Protein backbone atom coordinates (compact mmCIF):
# COMPACT_ATOMS: atom_id res chain seq x y z
CA MET A 1 -117.10 48.20 -9.75
CA ALA A 2 -114.32 50.78 -10.53
CA ARG A 3 -111.19 49.53 -12.16
CA SER A 4 -107.80 51.17 -12.08
CA PHE A 5 -106.30 52.71 -15.16
CA ASP A 6 -103.45 50.14 -14.97
CA GLU A 7 -105.91 47.28 -15.11
CA LEU A 8 -107.63 48.85 -18.08
CA VAL A 9 -104.44 49.40 -19.96
CA LYS A 10 -103.38 45.73 -19.22
CA ARG A 11 -106.70 44.41 -20.49
CA THR A 12 -106.75 46.46 -23.64
CA THR A 13 -103.17 46.43 -24.85
CA THR A 14 -100.57 43.84 -25.69
CA LYS A 15 -97.44 43.27 -23.68
CA ALA A 16 -95.35 44.52 -26.61
CA VAL A 17 -97.31 47.87 -26.63
CA ARG A 18 -96.98 48.34 -22.99
CA GLU A 19 -93.18 47.70 -23.12
CA LYS A 20 -92.83 50.09 -26.02
CA ALA A 21 -94.75 52.75 -23.94
CA ALA A 22 -92.56 52.12 -20.93
CA ARG A 23 -89.40 52.54 -23.06
CA ARG A 24 -90.67 55.81 -24.53
CA SER A 25 -91.51 57.10 -21.04
CA ARG A 26 -87.99 56.36 -19.86
CA GLU A 27 -86.61 58.18 -22.91
CA LEU A 28 -88.72 61.25 -22.29
CA LEU A 29 -87.75 61.34 -18.62
CA ALA A 30 -84.05 61.06 -19.68
CA GLU A 31 -84.49 64.21 -21.82
CA LEU A 32 -85.52 67.04 -19.50
CA LEU A 33 -84.88 70.79 -19.53
CA LEU A 34 -83.14 72.29 -16.58
CA SER A 35 -86.41 73.87 -15.35
CA GLU A 36 -88.08 70.45 -15.42
CA ILE A 37 -85.27 68.86 -13.49
CA ARG A 38 -85.46 71.61 -11.00
CA LYS A 39 -89.22 71.09 -10.59
CA LEU A 40 -88.75 67.33 -10.20
CA ALA A 41 -86.12 68.09 -7.45
CA ASP A 42 -88.95 70.12 -5.77
CA MET A 43 -87.07 73.38 -5.84
CA SER A 44 -88.25 76.87 -6.79
CA GLN A 45 -86.11 79.12 -8.88
CA ARG A 46 -85.62 81.31 -5.83
CA GLU A 47 -84.34 78.38 -3.74
CA LEU A 48 -81.96 77.13 -6.47
CA ALA A 49 -80.76 80.63 -7.13
CA ALA A 50 -79.95 81.13 -3.42
CA ALA A 51 -78.03 77.75 -3.39
CA LEU A 52 -76.02 78.94 -6.41
CA GLY A 53 -75.43 82.39 -4.97
CA ILE A 54 -77.18 84.29 -7.81
CA LYS A 55 -80.48 86.15 -8.15
CA GLN A 56 -83.62 84.48 -9.32
CA PRO A 57 -83.83 86.44 -12.67
CA SER A 58 -80.33 85.26 -13.45
CA LEU A 59 -81.37 81.61 -12.95
CA SER A 60 -84.45 82.15 -15.05
CA LYS A 61 -82.17 83.41 -17.85
CA LEU A 62 -79.92 80.41 -17.46
CA GLU A 63 -82.89 77.96 -17.61
CA HIS A 64 -83.85 79.44 -20.95
CA GLN A 65 -80.41 79.52 -22.62
CA ASP A 66 -79.49 76.86 -25.16
CA ASP A 67 -75.79 77.34 -24.52
CA MET A 68 -73.88 77.76 -21.28
CA GLN A 69 -70.47 76.97 -19.84
CA ILE A 70 -69.90 73.47 -18.61
CA SER A 71 -68.84 74.78 -15.15
CA THR A 72 -72.22 76.69 -14.88
CA LEU A 73 -74.19 73.59 -15.80
CA LYS A 74 -72.17 71.49 -13.44
CA GLY A 75 -72.89 73.93 -10.58
CA ILE A 76 -76.66 73.86 -11.33
CA VAL A 77 -76.73 69.99 -11.40
CA GLN A 78 -74.76 69.79 -8.24
CA ALA A 79 -77.06 72.29 -6.45
CA LEU A 80 -79.97 70.06 -7.52
CA GLY A 81 -78.28 67.13 -5.90
CA GLY A 82 -76.94 65.50 -9.07
CA GLU A 83 -73.60 64.86 -10.72
CA LEU A 84 -72.74 65.99 -14.29
CA SER A 85 -71.23 63.59 -16.83
CA VAL A 86 -70.20 64.77 -20.23
CA LEU A 87 -70.68 62.16 -23.02
CA ALA A 88 -69.53 62.24 -26.55
CA LYS A 89 -71.30 59.99 -29.04
CA PHE A 90 -69.34 58.73 -32.01
CA PRO A 91 -70.29 56.11 -34.70
CA ARG A 92 -68.22 53.49 -32.91
CA GLY A 93 -69.79 54.26 -29.49
CA THR A 94 -70.02 56.73 -26.62
CA VAL A 95 -67.18 57.92 -24.44
CA ARG A 96 -67.13 59.85 -21.21
CA VAL A 97 -65.22 63.13 -21.44
CA ARG A 98 -63.25 63.37 -18.10
CA GLN A 99 -61.54 66.68 -18.69
CA PHE A 100 -64.28 68.52 -16.67
CA ASP A 101 -64.26 66.07 -13.71
CA ARG A 102 -61.63 67.54 -11.47
CA SER A 103 -61.80 64.86 -8.82
CA ARG A 104 -60.85 62.22 -11.33
CA ARG A 105 -58.52 64.36 -13.50
CA HIS A 106 -55.50 62.37 -14.53
CA ARG A 107 -52.52 63.03 -16.63
CA PRO A 108 -53.23 62.14 -20.18
CA SER A 109 -51.09 59.44 -21.76
CA SER A 110 -48.97 60.32 -24.76
CA ARG A 111 -51.70 59.21 -27.16
CA PRO A 112 -54.70 56.98 -26.61
CA ARG A 113 -54.58 53.81 -28.70
CA GLU A 114 -58.41 53.22 -28.78
CA LEU A 115 -61.60 54.67 -27.49
CA THR A 116 -62.86 53.46 -24.15
CA LEU A 117 -66.53 53.09 -24.67
CA VAL A 118 -69.18 53.75 -22.05
């Protein structure tokens, strides 16, 4: 009788090992390249380029860059159906940088007294 892969894994590994593998899977999925995100969104380069109002070779170049403007990245993420958040990690915690979020832009106070951690 055939058994599923999940049954085999459950029978041959400990719960701790399965939990560690699941955590690592979530970490890997949380660290994707733009091209991988586009493919998961089931869009071709041609489709995404059209949504952005650029040509496919330009999108290909963007997908291979390791540096781009935040507004460009935000446009790509939005065209894929997502929302971009910019996070800054510090030893005391992580904060969301709101400067690039025009819909929630607010007047800065004179000087923040402490970091608001995410």
